[in-house]
């Protein structure tokens, strides 16, 4: 069988199908590329390119005179000293009258007062009880037992077994 000058090896039309698939793929890719270029053109119409900015000229430094190193250092110190504000002496806060009367009482901490349990301590105790209850369930105990048995040698090889 001849098809446009090509000799086909079989009569099932496999080669025609392959050629048709390639033609369809080429057509799809060409259409996708065309749609992408159309979208870019629309975006350029919506957002035109901004005109270029004028060139930036370099700033010129004012001419400096050469100052010897030691003189420049002294000038820098003088400027730093002149900028700092004068410091006032800090006075310590006055001691309470009880500390003046009995100096040993000021060193002791206040006595401890027993605190009644409040709602937050009760909630913590309840949450701890709930966590403990989850750990004591048969399923979790079984899993823990299996885990401990896996980490031990086989029963026949244990040292505490009587022969």
Foldseek 3Di string as FASTA:
>chain_A
DDDPRDDDPDDPCPVVVVVVVVVVVVVVVVVVVVVVVVVVVVVCVVPPDDDDDDDDDDDDDDDDDDDDPVVVVVVVVVVVVVPDDDDDDDDDDDDDPVCVVPVVVVVDDDDDDDDDDDPVVVVVVVVVVVVVVVCPDPVNVVVVVVVVCVVDDDPVPDPPDDD
